[in-house]
PDB file of N, CA and C in Angstrom:
ATOM      1  N   MET A   1      14.491  11.782 -22.064  1.00  0.00           N
ATOM      2  CA  MET A   1      13.207  11.144 -22.247  1.00  0.00           C
ATOM      3  C   MET A   1      12.851  10.299 -21.018  1.00  0.00           C
ATOM      4  N   ILE A   2      13.851   9.703 -20.396  1.00  0.00           N
ATOM      5  CA  ILE A   2      13.611   8.900 -19.205  1.00  0.00           C
ATOM      6  C   ILE A   2      13.164   9.789 -18.045  1.00  0.00           C
ATOM      7  N   ALA A   3      13.713  11.004 -17.969  1.00  0.00           N
ATOM      8  CA  ALA A   3      13.307  11.925 -16.898  1.00  0.00           C
ATOM      9  C   ALA A   3      11.827  12.275 -17.037  1.00  0.00           C
ATOM     10  N   PHE A   4      11.369  12.473 -18.264  1.00  0.00           N
ATOM     11  CA  PHE A   4       9.953  12.759 -18.489  1.00  0.00           C
ATOM     12  C   PHE A   4       9.081  11.571 -18.079  1.00  0.00           C
ATOM     13  N   PHE A   5       9.586  10.362 -18.305  1.00  0.00           N
ATOM     14  CA  PHE A   5       8.865   9.157 -17.891  1.00  0.00           C
ATOM     15  C   PHE A   5       8.699   9.125 -16.375  1.00  0.00           C
ATOM     16  N   TYR A   6       9.746   9.452 -15.635  1.00  0.00           N
ATOM     17  CA  TYR A   6       9.667   9.434 -14.178  1.00  0.00           C
ATOM     18  C   TYR A   6       8.796  10.579 -13.643  1.00  0.00           C
ATOM     19  N   ILE A   7       8.807  11.712 -14.326  1.00  0.00           N
ATOM     20  CA  ILE A   7       7.899  12.801 -13.937  1.00  0.00           C
ATOM     21  C   ILE A   7       6.457  12.369 -14.134  1.00  0.00           C
ATOM     22  N   LEU A   8       6.175  11.742 -15.267  1.00  0.00           N
ATOM     23  CA  LEU A   8       4.824  11.252 -15.535  1.00  0.00           C
ATOM     24  C   LEU A   8       4.429  10.156 -14.546  1.00  0.00           C
ATOM     25  N   LEU A   9       5.376   9.329 -14.160  1.00  0.00           N
ATOM     26  CA  LEU A   9       5.104   8.290 -13.167  1.00  0.00           C
ATOM     27  C   LEU A   9       4.801   8.902 -11.800  1.00  0.00           C
ATOM     28  N   GLY A  10       5.506   9.957 -11.433  1.00  0.00           N
ATOM     29  CA  GLY A  10       5.226  10.658 -10.184  1.00  0.00           C
ATOM     30  C   GLY A  10       3.849  11.315 -10.194  1.00  0.00           C
ATOM     31  N   LEU A  11       3.475  11.920 -11.319  1.00  0.00           N
ATOM     32  CA  LEU A  11       2.144  12.501 -11.447  1.00  0.00           C
ATOM     33  C   LEU A  11       1.061  11.427 -11.384  1.00  0.00           C
ATOM     34  N   PHE A  12       1.367  10.258 -11.914  1.00  0.00           N
ATOM     35  CA  PHE A  12       0.432   9.139 -11.846  1.00  0.00           C
ATOM     36  C   PHE A  12       0.209   8.707 -10.397  1.00  0.00           C
ATOM     37  N   MET A  13       1.271   8.675  -9.620  1.00  0.00           N
ATOM     38  CA  MET A  13       1.138   8.311  -8.210  1.00  0.00           C
ATOM     39  C   MET A  13       0.331   9.362  -7.447  1.00  0.00           C
ATOM     40  N   LEU A  14       0.542  10.639  -7.757  1.00  0.00           N
ATOM     41  CA  LEU A  14      -0.245  11.705  -7.154  1.00  0.00           C
ATOM     42  C   LEU A  14      -1.718  11.568  -7.542  1.00  0.00           C
ATOM     43  N   LEU A  15      -1.975  11.216  -8.777  1.00  0.00           N
ATOM     44  CA  LEU A  15      -3.340  10.998  -9.243  1.00  0.00           C
ATOM     45  C   LEU A  15      -3.987   9.832  -8.502  1.00  0.00           C
ATOM     46  N   CYS A  16      -3.217   8.792  -8.234  1.00  0.00           N
ATOM     47  CA  CYS A  16      -3.735   7.650  -7.459  1.00  0.00           C
ATOM     48  C   CYS A  16      -4.156   8.079  -6.055  1.00  0.00           C
ATOM     49  N   VAL A  17      -3.341   8.904  -5.414  1.00  0.00           N
ATOM     50  CA  VAL A  17      -3.660   9.375  -4.062  1.00  0.00           C
ATOM     51  C   VAL A  17      -4.899  10.264  -4.089  1.00  0.00           C
ATOM     52  N   MET A  18      -4.975  11.164  -5.080  1.00  0.00           N
ATOM     53  CA  MET A  18      -6.131  12.051  -5.180  1.00  0.00           C
ATOM     54  C   MET A  18      -7.416  11.272  -5.455  1.00  0.00           C
ATOM     55  N   LEU A  19      -7.336  10.260  -6.299  1.00  0.00           N
ATOM     56  CA  LEU A  19      -8.516   9.449  -6.601  1.00  0.00           C
ATOM     57  C   LEU A  19      -8.955   8.658  -5.375  1.00  0.00           C
ATOM     58  N   SER A  20      -8.000   8.128  -4.638  1.00  0.00           N
ATOM     59  CA  SER A  20      -8.344   7.397  -3.412  1.00  0.00           C
ATOM     60  C   SER A  20      -9.017   8.321  -2.405  1.00  0.00           C
ATOM     61  N   PHE A  21      -8.487   9.524  -2.254  1.00  0.00           N
ATOM     62  CA  PHE A  21      -9.080  10.490  -1.330  1.00  0.00           C
ATOM     63  C   PHE A  21     -10.487  10.884  -1.786  1.00  0.00           C
ATOM     64  N   ALA A  22     -10.672  11.104  -3.081  1.00  0.00           N
ATOM     65  CA  ALA A  22     -11.986  11.496  -3.594  1.00  0.00           C
ATOM     66  C   ALA A  22     -13.018  10.390  -3.387  1.00  0.00           C
ATOM     67  N   ILE A  23     -12.593   9.155  -3.492  1.00  0.00           N
ATOM     68  CA  ILE A  23     -13.516   8.040  -3.274  1.00  0.00           C
ATOM     69  C   ILE A  23     -13.853   7.907  -1.796  1.00  0.00           C
ATOM     70  N   LEU A  24     -12.840   8.040  -0.941  1.00  0.00           N
ATOM     71  CA  LEU A  24     -13.079   7.864   0.489  1.00  0.00           C
ATOM     72  C   LEU A  24     -13.863   9.007   1.118  1.00  0.00           C
ATOM     73  N   ILE A  25     -13.812  10.188   0.539  1.00  0.00           N
ATOM     74  CA  ILE A  25     -14.476  11.331   1.142  1.00  0.00           C
ATOM     75  C   ILE A  25     -15.965  11.383   0.783  1.00  0.00           C
ATOM     76  N   GLN A  26     -16.382  10.602  -0.180  1.00  0.00           N
ATOM     77  CA  GLN A  26     -17.792  10.645  -0.570  1.00  0.00           C
ATOM     78  C   GLN A  26     -18.670  10.168   0.565  1.00  0.00           C
ATOM     79  N   GLU A  27     -19.864  10.707   0.590  1.00  0.00           N
ATOM     80  CA  GLU A  27     -20.764  10.426   1.696  1.00  0.00           C
ATOM     81  C   GLU A  27     -21.291   8.997   1.643  1.00  0.00           C
ATOM     82  N   ALA A  28     -21.490   8.468   2.830  1.00  0.00           N
ATOM     83  CA  ALA A  28     -22.106   7.153   2.936  1.00  0.00           C
ATOM     84  C   ALA A  28     -23.614   7.323   2.853  1.00  0.00           C
ATOM     85  N   LYS A  29     -24.320   6.229   2.765  1.00  0.00           N
ATOM     86  CA  LYS A  29     -25.776   6.338   2.680  1.00  0.00           C
ATOM     87  C   LYS A  29     -26.386   6.815   3.989  1.00  0.00           C
ATOM     88  N   SER A  30     -25.723   6.589   5.103  1.00  0.00           N
ATOM     89  CA  SER A  30     -26.291   6.982   6.385  1.00  0.00           C
ATOM     90  C   SER A  30     -25.820   8.359   6.847  1.00  0.00           C
ATOM     91  N   MET A  31     -24.619   8.792   6.432  1.00  0.00           N
ATOM     92  CA  MET A  31     -24.069  10.070   6.889  1.00  0.00           C
ATOM     93  C   MET A  31     -23.756  10.945   5.698  1.00  0.00           C
ATOM     94  N   GLY A  32     -23.730  12.223   5.930  1.00  0.00           N
ATOM     95  CA  GLY A  32     -23.350  13.165   4.896  1.00  0.00           C
ATOM     96  C   GLY A  32     -21.873  13.468   4.971  1.00  0.00           C
ATOM     97  N   LEU A  33     -21.409  14.277   4.072  1.00  0.00           N
ATOM     98  CA  LEU A  33     -20.004  14.649   4.029  1.00  0.00           C
ATOM     99  C   LEU A  33     -19.626  15.522   5.208  1.00  0.00           C
ATOM    100  N   GLY A  34     -20.562  16.299   5.718  1.00  0.00           N
ATOM    101  CA  GLY A  34     -20.269  17.176   6.842  1.00  0.00           C
ATOM    102  C   GLY A  34     -19.872  16.423   8.088  1.00  0.00           C
ATOM    103  N   ALA A  35     -20.370  15.214   8.259  1.00  0.00           N
ATOM    104  CA  ALA A  35     -20.026  14.424   9.438  1.00  0.00           C
ATOM    105  C   ALA A  35     -18.557  14.009   9.427  1.00  0.00           C
ATOM    106  N   SER A  36     -17.975  13.848   8.262  1.00  0.00           N
ATOM    107  CA  SER A  36     -16.569  13.459   8.207  1.00  0.00           C
ATOM    108  C   SER A  36     -15.649  14.617   8.582  1.00  0.00           C
ATOM    109  N   PHE A  37     -16.143  15.856   8.511  1.00  0.00           N
ATOM    110  CA  PHE A  37     -15.363  17.022   8.910  1.00  0.00           C
ATOM    111  C   PHE A  37     -15.748  17.518  10.292  1.00  0.00           C
ATOM    112  N   GLY A  38     -16.582  16.775  10.995  1.00  0.00           N
ATOM    113  CA  GLY A  38     -16.943  17.137  12.350  1.00  0.00           C
ATOM    114  C   GLY A  38     -18.166  18.025  12.447  1.00  0.00           C
ATOM    115  N   GLY A  39     -18.814  18.307  11.365  1.00  0.00           N
ATOM    116  CA  GLY A  39     -19.992  19.156  11.395  1.00  0.00           C
ATOM    117  C   GLY A  39     -21.265  18.332  11.425  1.00  0.00           C
ATOM    118  N   ASP A  40     -22.357  19.037  11.311  1.00  0.00           N
ATOM    119  CA  ASP A  40     -23.654  18.379  11.267  1.00  0.00           C
ATOM    120  C   ASP A  40     -23.801  17.694   9.913  1.00  0.00           C
ATOM    121  N   SER A  41     -24.574  16.615   9.861  1.00  0.00           N
ATOM    122  CA  SER A  41     -24.743  15.905   8.594  1.00  0.00           C
ATOM    123  C   SER A  41     -25.507  16.750   7.586  1.00  0.00           C
ATOM    124  N   GLY A  42     -26.208  17.773   8.054  1.00  0.00           N
ATOM    125  CA  GLY A  42     -26.914  18.661   7.137  1.00  0.00           C
ATOM    126  C   GLY A  42     -26.009  19.709   6.525  1.00  0.00           C
ATOM    127  N   ASP A  43     -24.848  19.957   7.137  1.00  0.00           N
ATOM    128  CA  ASP A  43     -23.897  20.923   6.583  1.00  0.00           C
ATOM    129  C   ASP A  43     -23.270  20.352   5.322  1.00  0.00           C
ATOM    130  N   SER A  44     -22.818  21.241   4.471  1.00  0.00           N
ATOM    131  CA  SER A  44     -22.239  20.801   3.217  1.00  0.00           C
ATOM    132  C   SER A  44     -20.997  21.623   2.932  1.00  0.00           C
ATOM    133  N   LEU A  45     -19.951  20.971   2.473  1.00  0.00           N
ATOM    134  CA  LEU A  45     -18.691  21.658   2.192  1.00  0.00           C
ATOM    135  C   LEU A  45     -18.762  22.432   0.883  1.00  0.00           C
ATOM    136  N   PHE A  46     -19.420  21.885  -0.127  1.00  0.00           N
ATOM    137  CA  PHE A  46     -19.469  22.508  -1.444  1.00  0.00           C
ATOM    138  C   PHE A  46     -20.854  23.069  -1.781  1.00  0.00           C
ATOM    139  N   GLY A  47     -21.735  23.154  -0.853  1.00  0.00           N
ATOM    140  CA  GLY A  47     -23.075  23.653  -1.132  1.00  0.00           C
ATOM    141  C   GLY A  47     -24.092  22.519  -1.075  1.00  0.00           C
ATOM    142  N   THR A  48     -25.228  22.759  -1.699  1.00  0.00           N
ATOM    143  CA  THR A  48     -26.302  21.777  -1.607  1.00  0.00           C
ATOM    144  C   THR A  48     -26.081  20.571  -2.502  1.00  0.00           C
ATOM    145  N   SER A  49     -25.279  20.697  -3.523  1.00  0.00           N
ATOM    146  CA  SER A  49     -25.068  19.573  -4.447  1.00  0.00           C
ATOM    147  C   SER A  49     -23.700  18.937  -4.240  1.00  0.00           C
ATOM    148  N   THR A  50     -23.350  18.686  -3.008  1.00  0.00           N
ATOM    149  CA  THR A  50     -22.041  18.122  -2.686  1.00  0.00           C
ATOM    150  C   THR A  50     -21.838  16.762  -3.327  1.00  0.00           C
ATOM    151  N   ALA A  51     -22.831  15.913  -3.256  1.00  0.00           N
ATOM    152  CA  ALA A  51     -22.689  14.566  -3.805  1.00  0.00           C
ATOM    153  C   ALA A  51     -22.451  14.613  -5.307  1.00  0.00           C
ATOM    154  N   GLU A  52     -23.127  15.503  -5.999  1.00  0.00           N
ATOM    155  CA  GLU A  52     -22.951  15.603  -7.450  1.00  0.00           C
ATOM    156  C   GLU A  52     -21.575  16.146  -7.818  1.00  0.00           C
ATOM    157  N   VAL A  53     -21.085  17.110  -7.049  1.00  0.00           N
ATOM    158  CA  VAL A  53     -19.751  17.665  -7.311  1.00  0.00           C
ATOM    159  C   VAL A  53     -18.696  16.582  -7.121  1.00  0.00           C
ATOM    160  N   LEU A  54     -18.796  15.825  -6.048  1.00  0.00           N
ATOM    161  CA  LEU A  54     -17.809  14.769  -5.792  1.00  0.00           C
ATOM    162  C   LEU A  54     -17.913  13.639  -6.805  1.00  0.00           C
ATOM    163  N   LYS A  55     -19.122  13.315  -7.224  1.00  0.00           N
ATOM    164  CA  LYS A  55     -19.275  12.269  -8.241  1.00  0.00           C
ATOM    165  C   LYS A  55     -18.633  12.696  -9.556  1.00  0.00           C
ATOM    166  N   ARG A  56     -18.857  13.947  -9.932  1.00  0.00           N
ATOM    167  CA  ARG A  56     -18.282  14.455 -11.183  1.00  0.00           C
ATOM    168  C   ARG A  56     -16.764  14.531 -11.079  1.00  0.00           C
ATOM    169  N   PHE A  57     -16.245  15.017  -9.942  1.00  0.00           N
ATOM    170  CA  PHE A  57     -14.800  15.103  -9.727  1.00  0.00           C
ATOM    171  C   PHE A  57     -14.163  13.709  -9.764  1.00  0.00           C
ATOM    172  N   THR A  58     -14.812  12.751  -9.127  1.00  0.00           N
ATOM    173  CA  THR A  58     -14.306  11.379  -9.125  1.00  0.00           C
ATOM    174  C   THR A  58     -14.340  10.780 -10.522  1.00  0.00           C
ATOM    175  N   ALA A  59     -15.371  11.094 -11.283  1.00  0.00           N
ATOM    176  CA  ALA A  59     -15.461  10.579 -12.659  1.00  0.00           C
ATOM    177  C   ALA A  59     -14.341  11.145 -13.524  1.00  0.00           C
ATOM    178  N   TYR A  60     -14.051  12.443 -13.390  1.00  0.00           N
ATOM    179  CA  TYR A  60     -12.952  13.033 -14.153  1.00  0.00           C
ATOM    180  C   TYR A  60     -11.607  12.443 -13.731  1.00  0.00           C
ATOM    181  N   LEU A  61     -11.409  12.295 -12.431  1.00  0.00           N
ATOM    182  CA  LEU A  61     -10.151  11.702 -11.956  1.00  0.00           C
ATOM    183  C   LEU A  61      -9.984  10.274 -12.445  1.00  0.00           C
ATOM    184  N   SER A  62     -11.071   9.505 -12.448  1.00  0.00           N
ATOM    185  CA  SER A  62     -10.964   8.121 -12.913  1.00  0.00           C
ATOM    186  C   SER A  62     -10.686   8.072 -14.412  1.00  0.00           C
ATOM    187  N   GLY A  63     -11.230   9.012 -15.176  1.00  0.00           N
ATOM    188  CA  GLY A  63     -10.915   9.082 -16.607  1.00  0.00           C
ATOM    189  C   GLY A  63      -9.453   9.397 -16.847  1.00  0.00           C
ATOM    190  N   PHE A  64      -8.915  10.372 -16.098  1.00  0.00           N
ATOM    191  CA  PHE A  64      -7.487  10.692 -16.194  1.00  0.00           C
ATOM    192  C   PHE A  64      -6.630   9.519 -15.738  1.00  0.00           C
ATOM    193  N   PHE A  65      -7.091   8.813 -14.708  1.00  0.00           N
ATOM    194  CA  PHE A  65      -6.361   7.651 -14.218  1.00  0.00           C
ATOM    195  C   PHE A  65      -6.267   6.571 -15.302  1.00  0.00           C
ATOM    196  N   LEU A  66      -7.384   6.273 -15.944  1.00  0.00           N
ATOM    197  CA  LEU A  66      -7.377   5.243 -16.983  1.00  0.00           C
ATOM    198  C   LEU A  66      -6.519   5.655 -18.172  1.00  0.00           C
ATOM    199  N   LEU A  67      -6.602   6.912 -18.572  1.00  0.00           N
ATOM    200  CA  LEU A  67      -5.804   7.395 -19.689  1.00  0.00           C
ATOM    201  C   LEU A  67      -4.313   7.352 -19.364  1.00  0.00           C
ATOM    202  N   SER A  68      -3.938   7.819 -18.179  1.00  0.00           N
ATOM    203  CA  SER A  68      -2.521   7.804 -17.812  1.00  0.00           C
ATOM    204  C   SER A  68      -2.012   6.383 -17.605  1.00  0.00           C
ATOM    205  N   CYS A  69      -2.867   5.504 -17.123  1.00  0.00           N
ATOM    206  CA  CYS A  69      -2.473   4.100 -16.971  1.00  0.00           C
ATOM    207  C   CYS A  69      -2.192   3.470 -18.337  1.00  0.00           C
ATOM    208  N   LEU A  70      -3.029   3.784 -19.314  1.00  0.00           N
ATOM    209  CA  LEU A  70      -2.830   3.271 -20.665  1.00  0.00           C
ATOM    210  C   LEU A  70      -1.547   3.821 -21.274  1.00  0.00           C
ATOM    211  N   VAL A  71      -1.307   5.113 -21.134  1.00  0.00           N
ATOM    212  CA  VAL A  71      -0.100   5.729 -21.688  1.00  0.00           C
ATOM    213  C   VAL A  71       1.149   5.141 -21.035  1.00  0.00           C
ATOM    214  N   LEU A  72       1.124   5.003 -19.703  1.00  0.00           N
ATOM    215  CA  LEU A  72       2.304   4.455 -19.024  1.00  0.00           C
ATOM    216  C   LEU A  72       2.544   2.990 -19.374  1.00  0.00           C
ATOM    217  N   SER A  73       1.485   2.223 -19.544  1.00  0.00           N
ATOM    218  CA  SER A  73       1.681   0.810 -19.893  1.00  0.00           C
ATOM    219  C   SER A  73       2.234   0.666 -21.306  1.00  0.00           C
ATOM    220  N   LEU A  74       1.761   1.477 -22.245  1.00  0.00           N
ATOM    221  CA  LEU A  74       2.315   1.431 -23.602  1.00  0.00           C
ATOM    222  C   LEU A  74       3.764   1.909 -23.616  1.00  0.00           C
ATOM    223  N   TRP A  75       4.060   2.921 -22.806  1.00  0.00           N
ATOM    224  CA  TRP A  75       5.420   3.432 -22.741  1.00  0.00           C
ATOM    225  C   TRP A  75       6.360   2.396 -22.132  1.00  0.00           C
ATOM    226  N   CYS A  76       5.909   1.707 -21.091  1.00  0.00           N
ATOM    227  CA  CYS A  76       6.748   0.663 -20.475  1.00  0.00           C
ATOM    228  C   CYS A  76       6.975  -0.489 -21.448  1.00  0.00           C
ATOM    229  N   ALA A  77       5.954  -0.822 -22.220  1.00  0.00           N
ATOM    230  CA  ALA A  77       6.119  -1.888 -23.201  1.00  0.00           C
ATOM    231  C   ALA A  77       7.122  -1.487 -24.276  1.00  0.00           C
ATOM    232  N   ALA A  78       7.092  -0.222 -24.686  1.00  0.00           N
ATOM    233  CA  ALA A  78       8.047   0.253 -25.683  1.00  0.00           C
ATOM    234  C   ALA A  78       9.462   0.292 -25.110  1.00  0.00           C
ATOM    235  N   LEU A  79       9.593   0.638 -23.840  1.00  0.00           N
ATOM    236  CA  LEU A  79      10.925   0.637 -23.224  1.00  0.00           C
ATOM    237  C   LEU A  79      11.460  -0.775 -23.053  1.00  0.00           C
ATOM    238  N   GLY A  80      10.555  -1.733 -22.843  1.00  0.00           N
ATOM    239  CA  GLY A  80      10.968  -3.117 -22.638  1.00  0.00           C
ATOM    240  C   GLY A  80      11.433  -3.796 -23.909  1.00  0.00           C
ATOM    241  N   ARG A  81      10.897  -3.348 -25.048  1.00  0.00           N
ATOM    242  CA  ARG A  81      11.332  -3.931 -26.322  1.00  0.00           C
ATOM    243  C   ARG A  81      12.698  -3.386 -26.678  1.00  0.00           C
ATOM    244  N   SER A  82      13.526  -4.236 -27.162  1.00  0.00           N
ATOM    245  CA  SER A  82      14.841  -3.771 -27.601  1.00  0.00           C
ATOM    246  C   SER A  82      15.120  -4.373 -28.969  1.00  0.00           C
ATOM    247  N   ASN A  83      15.932  -3.712 -29.708  1.00  0.00           N
ATOM    248  CA  ASN A  83      16.310  -4.160 -31.031  1.00  0.00           C
ATOM    249  C   ASN A  83      17.293  -5.331 -30.880  1.00  0.00           C
ATOM    250  N   PRO A  84      17.054  -6.463 -31.531  1.00  0.00           N
ATOM    251  CA  PRO A  84      17.970  -7.611 -31.381  1.00  0.00           C
ATOM    252  C   PRO A  84      19.395  -7.291 -31.809  1.00  0.00           C
ATOM    253  N   SER A  85      19.574  -6.377 -32.738  1.00  0.00           N
ATOM    254  CA  SER A  85      20.938  -6.032 -33.153  1.00  0.00           C
ATOM    255  C   SER A  85      21.682  -5.277 -32.058  1.00  0.00           C
ATOM    256  N   ASP A  86      20.945  -4.688 -31.121  1.00  0.00           N
ATOM    257  CA  ASP A  86      21.599  -3.993 -30.008  1.00  0.00           C
ATOM    258  C   ASP A  86      22.194  -4.976 -28.998  1.00  0.00           C
ATOM    259  N   LEU A  87      21.730  -6.213 -29.009  1.00  0.00           N
ATOM    260  CA  LEU A  87      22.199  -7.191 -28.043  1.00  0.00           C
ATOM    261  C   LEU A  87      23.538  -7.803 -28.435  1.00  0.00           C
ATOM    262  N   ILE A  88      23.868  -7.812 -29.723  1.00  0.00           N
ATOM    263  CA  ILE A  88      25.131  -8.383 -30.194  1.00  0.00           C
ATOM    264  C   ILE A  88      26.173  -7.267 -30.251  1.00  0.00           C
ATOM    265  N   PRO A  89      27.300  -7.455 -29.602  1.00  0.00           N
ATOM    266  CA  PRO A  89      28.332  -6.425 -29.647  1.00  0.00           C
ATOM    267  C   PRO A  89      28.842  -6.240 -31.075  1.00  0.00           C
ATOM    268  N   PRO A  90      29.358  -5.056 -31.408  1.00  0.00           N
ATOM    269  CA  PRO A  90      29.826  -4.802 -32.778  1.00  0.00           C
ATOM    270  C   PRO A  90      30.993  -5.685 -33.192  1.00  0.00           C
ATOM    271  N   ASN A  91      31.775  -6.243 -32.262  1.00  0.00           N
ATOM    272  CA  ASN A  91      32.925  -7.089 -32.589  1.00  0.00           C
ATOM    273  C   ASN A  91      32.520  -8.539 -32.802  1.00  0.00           C
ATOM    274  N   GLY A  92      31.271  -8.858 -32.686  1.00  0.00           N
ATOM    275  CA  GLY A  92      30.822 -10.241 -32.810  1.00  0.00           C
ATOM    276  C   GLY A  92      30.639 -10.853 -31.442  1.00  0.00           C
ATOM    277  N   PRO A  93      30.293 -12.128 -31.412  1.00  0.00           N
ATOM    278  CA  PRO A  93      30.079 -12.778 -30.117  1.00  0.00           C
ATOM    279  C   PRO A  93      31.378 -12.904 -29.328  1.00  0.00           C
ATOM    280  N   SER A  94      31.270 -12.945 -28.034  1.00  0.00           N
ATOM    281  CA  SER A  94      32.459 -13.067 -27.189  1.00  0.00           C
ATOM    282  C   SER A  94      32.980 -14.494 -27.252  1.00  0.00           C
ATOM    283  N   PRO A  95      34.247 -14.707 -26.885  1.00  0.00           N
ATOM    284  CA  PRO A  95      34.822 -16.064 -26.931  1.00  0.00           C
ATOM    285  C   PRO A  95      34.093 -17.034 -26.011  1.00  0.00           C
ATOM    286  N   ILE A  96      33.517 -16.561 -24.942  1.00  0.00           N
ATOM    287  CA  ILE A  96      32.795 -17.444 -24.023  1.00  0.00           C
ATOM    288  C   ILE A  96      31.556 -17.985 -24.717  1.00  0.00           C
ATOM    289  N   GLU A  97      30.884 -17.153 -25.495  1.00  0.00           N
ATOM    290  CA  GLU A  97      29.674 -17.587 -26.180  1.00  0.00           C
ATOM    291  C   GLU A  97      29.997 -18.582 -27.285  1.00  0.00           C
ATOM    292  N   GLU A  98      31.195 -18.510 -27.898  1.00  0.00           N
ATOM    293  CA  GLU A  98      31.565 -19.416 -28.983  1.00  0.00           C
ATOM    294  C   GLU A  98      31.808 -20.832 -28.465  1.00  0.00           C
ATOM    295  N   GLU A  99      32.221 -20.989 -27.210  1.00  0.00           N
ATOM    296  CA  GLU A  99      32.489 -22.313 -26.684  1.00  0.00           C
ATOM    297  C   GLU A  99      31.226 -23.115 -26.504  1.00  0.00           C
ATOM    298  N   TYR A 100      30.112 -22.448 -26.211  1.00  0.00           N
ATOM    299  CA  TYR A 100      28.867 -23.165 -25.967  1.00  0.00           C
ATOM    300  C   TYR A 100      28.176 -23.316 -27.271  1.00  0.00           C
TER     301      TYR A 100
END
């Protein structure tokens, strides 16, 4: 189960990188997306509706980011909780603990 947690954490980090890239690649108000790839500002990588495609892609990525962030935070909270009976050894308290 812990291995699945680390796989999900790795996918979360990949999602963070993809979301950052999707945000940074969006066109500025003065330049188009083509200028960031060295082309003319009138050129478009995804066609005429480049801004809409990137906005939709970024919205989906941000939704997945929020969902995975919620799942990982609940999972970490569940891993952090421990049963109080697990903290006491089966033989009772140690002699060091009895002195205090």
